[in-house]
Amino acid sequence: MPPFRTLVCAALALGATGVAQAQATVKPDGQWRAVFGLGLSYASGNTDASNLSMTGDAVRATDLDKWSAYLNSNYARSAGVTTTEQTRLGGRYDRNLSPVYFGYGALDFENNRFANLALRSMLSAGMGWHVIKSPATTFDIFGGLGYTADQYRDPMVVGGELRDNYSYASLPLGEESTHKLTETTSAKQRLVVVANLEDTGEYRATWDAGLAVAMTKGMNLTVGLSVLYNSDPGTGRKSTDTLFTTGIAVKFE
């Protein structure tokens, strides 16, 4: 069991900032494995604030293919005013075409109240390359074609026009890696750049990174960083959103 001081520090981190994305264990045996994190904080009196965070990661893998799904949601209020409301979720199917190359299909959803985004849906498919594939380290690069459909909470100027929705063909390019640093510590990161094929020069980028340290067989202490960039966020919106999280996640295997 970890020392009491470690548990206290972890609990304080969870209540203060939310839950970081952890990684489900990947084993090619056809069994679903998942990790789920939930964070909740509430303060009243001189400070009136609350925060709710949820993350999830699930994987089912064989020697031939892999199903995966993710969830990342954060909601916060301060002094009776909502300050954060954002959710990202999706799923992907990978199928090995050879020991080195694979094909994939993915569906992703996102909403972000303060980016004026009611719903973003992106369907994509393409090819990838297992650059490194070992028990300690994996590194993949991938790319393909996609279709993105945005719906806005309020009409805003995007692509030079006032719109309440915007759909376009897109080109997703990305890389992702996992690292088993020690028997109890693992890390992962993923970068995806989505170019707008109808408005040349406009693009979105998402980078997610996480570190997980096993506290017990079924519980991890996690630290995460997410950076979202949009070259055309709309009038009055900022291009970059950054979220740093710490927390505790429970594994289901």
C-alpha atoms as a PDB file:
ATOM      1  CA  MET A   1       0.000   0.000   0.000  1.00  0.00           C
ATOM      2  CA  PRO A   2       1.247   3.548  -0.738  1.00  0.00           C
ATOM      3  CA  PRO A   3       2.107   5.788   2.226  1.00  0.00           C
ATOM      4  CA  PHE A   4      -0.714   7.810   3.769  1.00  0.00           C
ATOM      5  CA  ARG A   5       0.968  11.059   2.701  1.00  0.00           C
ATOM      6  CA  THR A   6       0.841   9.926  -0.960  1.00  0.00           C
ATOM      7  CA  LEU A   7      -2.876   9.158  -0.711  1.00  0.00           C
ATOM      8  CA  VAL A   8      -3.587  12.543   0.877  1.00  0.00           C
ATOM      9  CA  CYS A   9      -1.633  14.407  -1.807  1.00  0.00           C
ATOM     10  CA  ALA A  10      -3.418  12.457  -4.534  1.00  0.00           C
ATOM     11  CA  ALA A  11      -6.839  13.185  -3.047  1.00  0.00           C
ATOM     12  CA  LEU A  12      -6.049  16.884  -2.797  1.00  0.00           C
ATOM     13  CA  ALA A  13      -4.902  16.936  -6.410  1.00  0.00           C
ATOM     14  CA  LEU A  14      -8.064  15.170  -7.525  1.00  0.00           C
ATOM     15  CA  GLY A  15     -10.341  17.615  -5.773  1.00  0.00           C
ATOM     16  CA  ALA A  16      -8.372  20.653  -6.894  1.00  0.00           C
ATOM     17  CA  THR A  17      -7.927  20.170 -10.606  1.00  0.00           C
ATOM     18  CA  GLY A  18      -9.823  17.215 -11.996  1.00  0.00           C
ATOM     19  CA  VAL A  19      -8.865  13.875 -13.514  1.00  0.00           C
ATOM     20  CA  ALA A  20      -6.122  13.205 -16.047  1.00  0.00           C
ATOM     21  CA  GLN A  21      -6.580  10.759 -18.896  1.00  0.00           C
ATOM     22  CA  ALA A  22      -5.088   7.355 -18.075  1.00  0.00           C
ATOM     23  CA  GLN A  23      -4.342   4.524 -20.470  1.00  0.00           C
ATOM     24  CA  ALA A  24      -6.095   1.180 -20.517  1.00  0.00           C
ATOM     25  CA  THR A  25      -3.819  -1.855 -20.629  1.00  0.00           C
ATOM     26  CA  VAL A  26      -3.408  -3.220 -24.164  1.00  0.00           C
ATOM     27  CA  LYS A  27      -3.102  -7.002 -24.470  1.00  0.00           C
ATOM     28  CA  PRO A  28      -3.805  -8.899 -27.731  1.00  0.00           C
ATOM     29  CA  ASP A  29      -6.202 -11.398 -26.168  1.00  0.00           C
ATOM     30  CA  GLY A  30      -9.571 -10.107 -27.388  1.00  0.00           C
ATOM     31  CA  GLN A  31     -10.690  -8.906 -23.934  1.00  0.00           C
ATOM     32  CA  TRP A  32     -12.027  -5.410 -23.185  1.00  0.00           C
ATOM     33  CA  ARG A  33      -9.964  -3.429 -20.667  1.00  0.00           C
ATOM     34  CA  ALA A  34     -10.795   0.035 -19.391  1.00  0.00           C
ATOM     35  CA  VAL A  35      -9.723   2.765 -17.012  1.00  0.00           C
ATOM     36  CA  PHE A  36     -12.114   5.361 -15.598  1.00  0.00           C
ATOM     37  CA  GLY A  37     -11.478   8.510 -13.587  1.00  0.00           C
ATOM     38  CA  LEU A  38     -13.958  10.727 -11.760  1.00  0.00           C
ATOM     39  CA  GLY A  39     -13.174  13.936  -9.914  1.00  0.00           C
ATOM     40  CA  LEU A  40     -15.472  16.185  -7.890  1.00  0.00           C
ATOM     41  CA  SER A  41     -14.741  19.242  -5.772  1.00  0.00           C
ATOM     42  CA  TYR A  42     -17.099  21.646  -4.002  1.00  0.00           C
ATOM     43  CA  ALA A  43     -16.424  24.722  -1.889  1.00  0.00           C
ATOM     44  CA  SER A  44     -18.880  27.106  -0.180  1.00  0.00           C
ATOM     45  CA  GLY A  45     -18.655  30.061   2.166  1.00  0.00           C
ATOM     46  CA  ASN A  46     -16.071  32.661   1.184  1.00  0.00           C
ATOM     47  CA  THR A  47     -15.493  30.601  -1.962  1.00  0.00           C
ATOM     48  CA  ASP A  48     -18.379  29.263  -4.016  1.00  0.00           C
ATOM     49  CA  ALA A  49     -16.974  26.850  -6.598  1.00  0.00           C
ATOM     50  CA  SER A  50     -17.486  23.331  -7.914  1.00  0.00           C
ATOM     51  CA  ASN A  51     -15.790  21.097 -10.484  1.00  0.00           C
ATOM     52  CA  LEU A  52     -16.704  17.775 -12.081  1.00  0.00           C
ATOM     53  CA  SER A  53     -14.297  15.856 -14.313  1.00  0.00           C
ATOM     54  CA  MET A  54     -14.615  12.466 -16.010  1.00  0.00           C
ATOM     55  CA  THR A  55     -12.224  10.490 -18.176  1.00  0.00           C
ATOM     56  CA  GLY A  56     -12.383   7.074 -19.732  1.00  0.00           C
ATOM     57  CA  ASP A  57     -10.230   4.879 -21.959  1.00  0.00           C
ATOM     58  CA  ALA A  58     -11.205   1.422 -23.236  1.00  0.00           C
ATOM     59  CA  VAL A  59      -9.370  -1.024 -25.517  1.00  0.00           C
ATOM     60  CA  ARG A  60     -10.022  -4.436 -27.029  1.00  0.00           C
ATOM     61  CA  ALA A  61      -7.069  -5.817 -28.999  1.00  0.00           C
ATOM     62  CA  THR A  62      -6.080  -8.953 -30.885  1.00  0.00           C
ATOM     63  CA  ASP A  63      -3.085  -9.730 -33.090  1.00  0.00           C
ATOM     64  CA  LEU A  64      -5.205  -8.646 -36.077  1.00  0.00           C
ATOM     65  CA  ASP A  65      -7.146  -5.584 -34.932  1.00  0.00           C
ATOM     66  CA  LYS A  66      -7.955  -3.149 -32.122  1.00  0.00           C
ATOM     67  CA  TRP A  67     -11.065  -1.295 -30.933  1.00  0.00           C
ATOM     68  CA  SER A  68     -10.569   1.765 -28.737  1.00  0.00           C
ATOM     69  CA  ALA A  69     -12.744   4.468 -27.174  1.00  0.00           C
ATOM     70  CA  TYR A  70     -12.115   7.558 -25.050  1.00  0.00           C
ATOM     71  CA  LEU A  71     -13.956  10.175 -22.986  1.00  0.00           C
ATOM     72  CA  ASN A  72     -12.716  13.450 -21.530  1.00  0.00           C
ATOM     73  CA  SER A  73     -15.209  15.830 -19.894  1.00  0.00           C
ATOM     74  CA  ASN A  74     -14.834  18.819 -17.585  1.00  0.00           C
ATOM     75  CA  TYR A  75     -17.475  21.090 -16.020  1.00  0.00           C
ATOM     76  CA  ALA A  76     -16.842  23.874 -13.507  1.00  0.00           C
ATOM     77  CA  ARG A  77     -18.748  26.734 -11.844  1.00  0.00           C
ATOM     78  CA  SER A  78     -17.517  29.639  -9.736  1.00  0.00           C
ATOM     79  CA  ALA A  79     -19.708  32.152  -7.868  1.00  0.00           C
ATOM     80  CA  GLY A  80     -22.780  30.765  -9.618  1.00  0.00           C
ATOM     81  CA  VAL A  81     -21.298  31.198 -13.100  1.00  0.00           C
ATOM     82  CA  THR A  82     -20.247  28.341 -15.389  1.00  0.00           C
ATOM     83  CA  THR A  83     -16.543  28.704 -16.161  1.00  0.00           C
ATOM     84  CA  THR A  84     -15.807  25.446 -18.002  1.00  0.00           C
ATOM     85  CA  GLU A  85     -18.038  23.164 -20.072  1.00  0.00           C
ATOM     86  CA  GLN A  86     -16.231  20.883 -22.485  1.00  0.00           C
ATOM     87  CA  THR A  87     -16.529  17.246 -23.586  1.00  0.00           C
ATOM     88  CA  ARG A  88     -14.565  15.144 -26.069  1.00  0.00           C
ATOM     89  CA  LEU A  89     -15.364  11.514 -26.894  1.00  0.00           C
ATOM     90  CA  GLY A  90     -14.898   9.077 -29.721  1.00  0.00           C
ATOM     91  CA  GLY A  91     -13.908   5.670 -30.957  1.00  0.00           C
ATOM     92  CA  ARG A  92     -11.549   4.088 -33.478  1.00  0.00           C
ATOM     93  CA  TYR A  93     -11.019   0.751 -35.212  1.00  0.00           C
ATOM     94  CA  ASP A  94      -7.536  -0.309 -36.356  1.00  0.00           C
ATOM     95  CA  ARG A  95      -6.833  -3.363 -38.517  1.00  0.00           C
ATOM     96  CA  ASN A  96      -3.341  -4.605 -39.251  1.00  0.00           C
ATOM     97  CA  LEU A  97      -2.668  -5.052 -42.964  1.00  0.00           C
ATOM     98  CA  SER A  98       0.869  -6.312 -42.317  1.00  0.00           C
ATOM     99  CA  PRO A  99       3.251  -6.363 -39.337  1.00  0.00           C
ATOM    100  CA  VAL A 100       4.105  -2.721 -40.159  1.00  0.00           C
ATOM    101  CA  TYR A 101       1.051  -1.109 -41.793  1.00  0.00           C
ATOM    102  CA  PHE A 102      -2.562  -0.735 -40.633  1.00  0.00           C
ATOM    103  CA  GLY A 103      -5.825   0.828 -41.724  1.00  0.00           C
ATOM    104  CA  TYR A 104      -8.210   2.691 -39.428  1.00  0.00           C
ATOM    105  CA  GLY A 105     -11.612   4.322 -39.164  1.00  0.00           C
ATOM    106  CA  ALA A 106     -12.591   6.824 -36.457  1.00  0.00           C
ATOM    107  CA  LEU A 107     -15.529   8.877 -35.233  1.00  0.00           C
ATOM    108  CA  ASP A 108     -14.981  11.807 -32.845  1.00  0.00           C
ATOM    109  CA  PHE A 109     -17.298  14.294 -31.134  1.00  0.00           C
ATOM    110  CA  GLU A 110     -16.593  17.502 -29.213  1.00  0.00           C
ATOM    111  CA  ASN A 111     -18.468  20.348 -27.617  1.00  0.00           C
ATOM    112  CA  ASN A 112     -17.036  23.447 -25.956  1.00  0.00           C
ATOM    113  CA  ARG A 113     -19.395  26.088 -24.630  1.00  0.00           C
ATOM    114  CA  PHE A 114     -16.824  28.860 -24.410  1.00  0.00           C
ATOM    115  CA  ALA A 115     -15.532  28.190 -27.911  1.00  0.00           C
ATOM    116  CA  ASN A 116     -19.198  28.575 -29.046  1.00  0.00           C
ATOM    117  CA  LEU A 117     -19.125  24.967 -30.243  1.00  0.00           C
ATOM    118  CA  ALA A 118     -22.413  23.101 -29.740  1.00  0.00           C
ATOM    119  CA  LEU A 119     -21.153  19.967 -31.484  1.00  0.00           C
ATOM    120  CA  ARG A 120     -18.263  19.017 -33.707  1.00  0.00           C
ATOM    121  CA  SER A 121     -18.451  15.626 -35.445  1.00  0.00           C
ATOM    122  CA  MET A 122     -15.598  14.169 -37.466  1.00  0.00           C
ATOM    123  CA  LEU A 123     -15.623  10.920 -39.418  1.00  0.00           C
ATOM    124  CA  SER A 124     -12.229   9.830 -40.748  1.00  0.00           C
ATOM    125  CA  ALA A 125     -10.408   6.863 -42.277  1.00  0.00           C
ATOM    126  CA  GLY A 126      -6.890   6.226 -43.440  1.00  0.00           C
ATOM    127  CA  MET A 127      -3.638   4.319 -43.153  1.00  0.00           C
ATOM    128  CA  GLY A 128      -0.903   4.126 -40.550  1.00  0.00           C
ATOM    129  CA  TRP A 129       2.588   2.817 -39.885  1.00  0.00           C
ATOM    130  CA  HIS A 130       3.802   1.032 -36.748  1.00  0.00           C
ATOM    131  CA  VAL A 131       7.198   2.721 -36.549  1.00  0.00           C
ATOM    132  CA  ILE A 132       7.977   1.071 -33.199  1.00  0.00           C
ATOM    133  CA  LYS A 133       6.025  -1.815 -31.688  1.00  0.00           C
ATOM    134  CA  SER A 134       7.526  -3.419 -28.587  1.00  0.00           C
ATOM    135  CA  PRO A 135       6.261  -4.256 -25.075  1.00  0.00           C
ATOM    136  CA  ALA A 136       7.947  -1.137 -23.661  1.00  0.00           C
ATOM    137  CA  THR A 137       7.363   1.378 -26.476  1.00  0.00           C
ATOM    138  CA  THR A 138       4.960   1.894 -29.359  1.00  0.00           C
ATOM    139  CA  PHE A 139       5.048   4.719 -31.897  1.00  0.00           C
ATOM    140  CA  ASP A 140       2.574   5.077 -34.774  1.00  0.00           C
ATOM    141  CA  ILE A 141       2.082   7.682 -37.468  1.00  0.00           C
ATOM    142  CA  PHE A 142      -1.160   7.904 -39.459  1.00  0.00           C
ATOM    143  CA  GLY A 143      -3.096   9.983 -41.940  1.00  0.00           C
ATOM    144  CA  GLY A 144      -6.191   9.893 -44.091  1.00  0.00           C
ATOM    145  CA  LEU A 145      -9.282  11.788 -45.152  1.00  0.00           C
ATOM    146  CA  GLY A 146     -12.142  13.029 -43.012  1.00  0.00           C
ATOM    147  CA  TYR A 147     -15.385  14.969 -42.978  1.00  0.00           C
ATOM    148  CA  THR A 148     -15.967  17.540 -40.221  1.00  0.00           C
ATOM    149  CA  ALA A 149     -19.334  19.086 -39.326  1.00  0.00           C
ATOM    150  CA  ASP A 150     -19.486  21.950 -36.803  1.00  0.00           C
ATOM    151  CA  GLN A 151     -22.634  23.319 -35.190  1.00  0.00           C
ATOM    152  CA  TYR A 152     -22.341  26.601 -33.249  1.00  0.00           C
ATOM    153  CA  ARG A 153     -24.295  27.747 -30.225  1.00  0.00           C
ATOM    154  CA  ASP A 154     -24.624  31.243 -31.726  1.00  0.00           C
ATOM    155  CA  PRO A 155     -23.876  32.367 -35.318  1.00  0.00           C
ATOM    156  CA  MET A 156     -20.325  33.648 -35.748  1.00  0.00           C
ATOM    157  CA  VAL A 157     -17.909  34.600 -38.518  1.00  0.00           C
ATOM    158  CA  VAL A 158     -15.889  31.565 -39.643  1.00  0.00           C
ATOM    159  CA  GLY A 159     -14.104  31.294 -42.980  1.00  0.00           C
ATOM    160  CA  GLY A 160     -15.066  34.867 -43.791  1.00  0.00           C
ATOM    161  CA  GLU A 161     -18.817  34.270 -43.460  1.00  0.00           C
ATOM    162  CA  LEU A 162     -21.421  34.477 -40.692  1.00  0.00           C
ATOM    163  CA  ARG A 163     -22.453  30.878 -40.000  1.00  0.00           C
ATOM    164  CA  ASP A 164     -24.407  28.758 -37.530  1.00  0.00           C
ATOM    165  CA  ASN A 165     -22.872  25.550 -38.937  1.00  0.00           C
ATOM    166  CA  TYR A 166     -19.871  24.662 -41.071  1.00  0.00           C
ATOM    167  CA  SER A 167     -19.038  21.372 -42.803  1.00  0.00           C
ATOM    168  CA  TYR A 168     -15.907  20.584 -44.783  1.00  0.00           C
ATOM    169  CA  ALA A 169     -13.606  17.856 -46.036  1.00  0.00           C
ATOM    170  CA  SER A 170     -10.513  17.513 -43.877  1.00  0.00           C
ATOM    171  CA  LEU A 171      -7.076  15.904 -43.843  1.00  0.00           C
ATOM    172  CA  PRO A 172      -6.142  14.393 -40.447  1.00  0.00           C
ATOM    173  CA  LEU A 173      -2.442  13.665 -39.839  1.00  0.00           C
ATOM    174  CA  GLY A 174      -1.118  12.399 -36.534  1.00  0.00           C
ATOM    175  CA  GLU A 175       1.270  10.450 -34.376  1.00  0.00           C
ATOM    176  CA  GLU A 176       0.904   8.696 -31.057  1.00  0.00           C
ATOM    177  CA  SER A 177       3.164   6.791 -28.695  1.00  0.00           C
ATOM    178  CA  THR A 178       3.060   4.819 -25.450  1.00  0.00           C
ATOM    179  CA  HIS A 179       5.972   4.265 -23.087  1.00  0.00           C
ATOM    180  CA  LYS A 180       6.402   1.856 -20.185  1.00  0.00           C
ATOM    181  CA  LEU A 181       8.985   3.782 -18.184  1.00  0.00           C
ATOM    182  CA  THR A 182       9.114   1.385 -15.206  1.00  0.00           C
ATOM    183  CA  GLU A 183       7.009  -1.486 -13.864  1.00  0.00           C
ATOM    184  CA  THR A 184       4.670   1.049 -12.229  1.00  0.00           C
ATOM    185  CA  THR A 185       4.979   4.140 -14.474  1.00  0.00           C
ATOM    186  CA  SER A 186       3.660   4.623 -18.005  1.00  0.00           C
ATOM    187  CA  ALA A 187       3.246   7.573 -20.342  1.00  0.00           C
ATOM    188  CA  LYS A 188       1.442   8.297 -23.577  1.00  0.00           C
ATOM    189  CA  GLN A 189       1.022  11.192 -25.972  1.00  0.00           C
ATOM    190  CA  ARG A 190      -0.958  11.866 -29.146  1.00  0.00           C
ATOM    191  CA  LEU A 191      -0.798  14.725 -31.655  1.00  0.00           C
ATOM    192  CA  VAL A 192      -3.385  15.171 -34.411  1.00  0.00           C
ATOM    193  CA  VAL A 193      -3.450  18.002 -36.952  1.00  0.00           C
ATOM    194  CA  VAL A 194      -6.619  18.360 -39.046  1.00  0.00           C
ATOM    195  CA  ALA A 195      -6.256  20.525 -42.146  1.00  0.00           C
ATOM    196  CA  ASN A 196      -9.327  22.134 -43.748  1.00  0.00           C
ATOM    197  CA  LEU A 197      -9.327  21.073 -47.415  1.00  0.00           C
ATOM    198  CA  GLU A 198     -11.944  23.652 -48.399  1.00  0.00           C
ATOM    199  CA  ASP A 199     -10.339  26.695 -46.745  1.00  0.00           C
ATOM    200  CA  THR A 200      -6.641  26.274 -47.492  1.00  0.00           C
ATOM    201  CA  GLY A 201      -4.334  27.270 -44.655  1.00  0.00           C
ATOM    202  CA  GLU A 202      -6.883  26.739 -41.858  1.00  0.00           C
ATOM    203  CA  TYR A 203      -6.322  23.850 -39.463  1.00  0.00           C
ATOM    204  CA  ARG A 204      -6.939  22.462 -35.979  1.00  0.00           C
ATOM    205  CA  ALA A 205      -4.427  20.656 -33.759  1.00  0.00           C
ATOM    206  CA  THR A 206      -4.882  18.605 -30.586  1.00  0.00           C
ATOM    207  CA  TRP A 207      -2.084  17.346 -28.354  1.00  0.00           C
ATOM    208  CA  ASP A 208      -2.813  15.109 -25.361  1.00  0.00           C
ATOM    209  CA  ALA A 209      -0.138  13.773 -23.001  1.00  0.00           C
ATOM    210  CA  GLY A 210      -0.452  11.753 -19.812  1.00  0.00           C
ATOM    211  CA  LEU A 211       1.643  10.085 -17.137  1.00  0.00           C
ATOM    212  CA  ALA A 212       0.272   7.320 -14.887  1.00  0.00           C
ATOM    213  CA  VAL A 213       1.870   5.893 -11.733  1.00  0.00           C
ATOM    214  CA  ALA A 214       0.372   2.734 -10.224  1.00  0.00           C
ATOM    215  CA  MET A 215      -0.596   3.211  -6.569  1.00  0.00           C
ATOM    216  CA  THR A 216      -2.211  -0.230  -6.292  1.00  0.00           C
ATOM    217  CA  LYS A 217      -2.988  -2.971  -8.823  1.00  0.00           C
ATOM    218  CA  GLY A 218      -6.225  -1.256  -9.842  1.00  0.00           C
ATOM    219  CA  MET A 219      -5.567   2.420  -9.097  1.00  0.00           C
ATOM    220  CA  ASN A 220      -3.320   4.983 -10.794  1.00  0.00           C
ATOM    221  CA  LEU A 221      -2.170   8.479  -9.910  1.00  0.00           C
ATOM    222  CA  THR A 222      -2.316  10.471 -13.174  1.00  0.00           C
ATOM    223  CA  VAL A 223      -1.059  13.754 -14.604  1.00  0.00           C
ATOM    224  CA  GLY A 224      -2.237  15.065 -17.962  1.00  0.00           C
ATOM    225  CA  LEU A 225      -1.903  17.979 -20.353  1.00  0.00           C
ATOM    226  CA  SER A 226      -4.202  18.832 -23.277  1.00  0.00           C
ATOM    227  CA  VAL A 227      -3.597  21.624 -25.775  1.00  0.00           C
ATOM    228  CA  LEU A 228      -6.182  22.471 -28.445  1.00  0.00           C
ATOM    229  CA  TYR A 229      -5.428  24.949 -31.253  1.00  0.00           C
ATOM    230  CA  ASN A 230      -7.754  26.350 -33.920  1.00  0.00           C
ATOM    231  CA  SER A 231      -6.313  28.701 -36.547  1.00  0.00           C
ATOM    232  CA  ASP A 232      -9.798  30.157 -37.192  1.00  0.00           C
ATOM    233  CA  PRO A 233     -11.694  30.015 -33.865  1.00  0.00           C
ATOM    234  CA  GLY A 234     -14.206  32.698 -34.844  1.00  0.00           C
ATOM    235  CA  THR A 235     -14.513  36.365 -33.953  1.00  0.00           C
ATOM    236  CA  GLY A 236     -13.770  37.092 -30.291  1.00  0.00           C
ATOM    237  CA  ARG A 237     -12.523  33.582 -29.474  1.00  0.00           C
ATOM    238  CA  LYS A 238      -8.983  32.589 -28.560  1.00  0.00           C
ATOM    239  CA  SER A 239      -7.065  30.163 -30.744  1.00  0.00           C
ATOM    240  CA  THR A 240      -5.589  28.009 -27.950  1.00  0.00           C
ATOM    241  CA  ASP A 241      -7.181  26.127 -25.044  1.00  0.00           C
ATOM    242  CA  THR A 242      -4.902  24.463 -22.477  1.00  0.00           C
ATOM    243  CA  LEU A 243      -5.923  22.113 -19.666  1.00  0.00           C
ATOM    244  CA  PHE A 244      -3.613  20.619 -17.003  1.00  0.00           C
ATOM    245  CA  THR A 245      -5.102  17.888 -14.827  1.00  0.00           C
ATOM    246  CA  THR A 246      -4.127  15.567 -11.999  1.00  0.00           C
ATOM    247  CA  GLY A 247      -6.170  12.843 -10.395  1.00  0.00           C
ATOM    248  CA  ILE A 248      -6.838   9.193  -9.635  1.00  0.00           C
ATOM    249  CA  ALA A 249      -8.112   6.594 -12.103  1.00  0.00           C
ATOM    250  CA  VAL A 250      -9.475   3.069 -11.516  1.00  0.00           C
ATOM    251  CA  LYS A 251      -8.667   0.222 -13.911  1.00  0.00           C
ATOM    252  CA  PHE A 252     -11.125  -2.513 -14.934  1.00  0.00           C
ATOM    253  CA  GLU A 253      -9.426  -5.631 -16.294  1.00  0.00           C
END
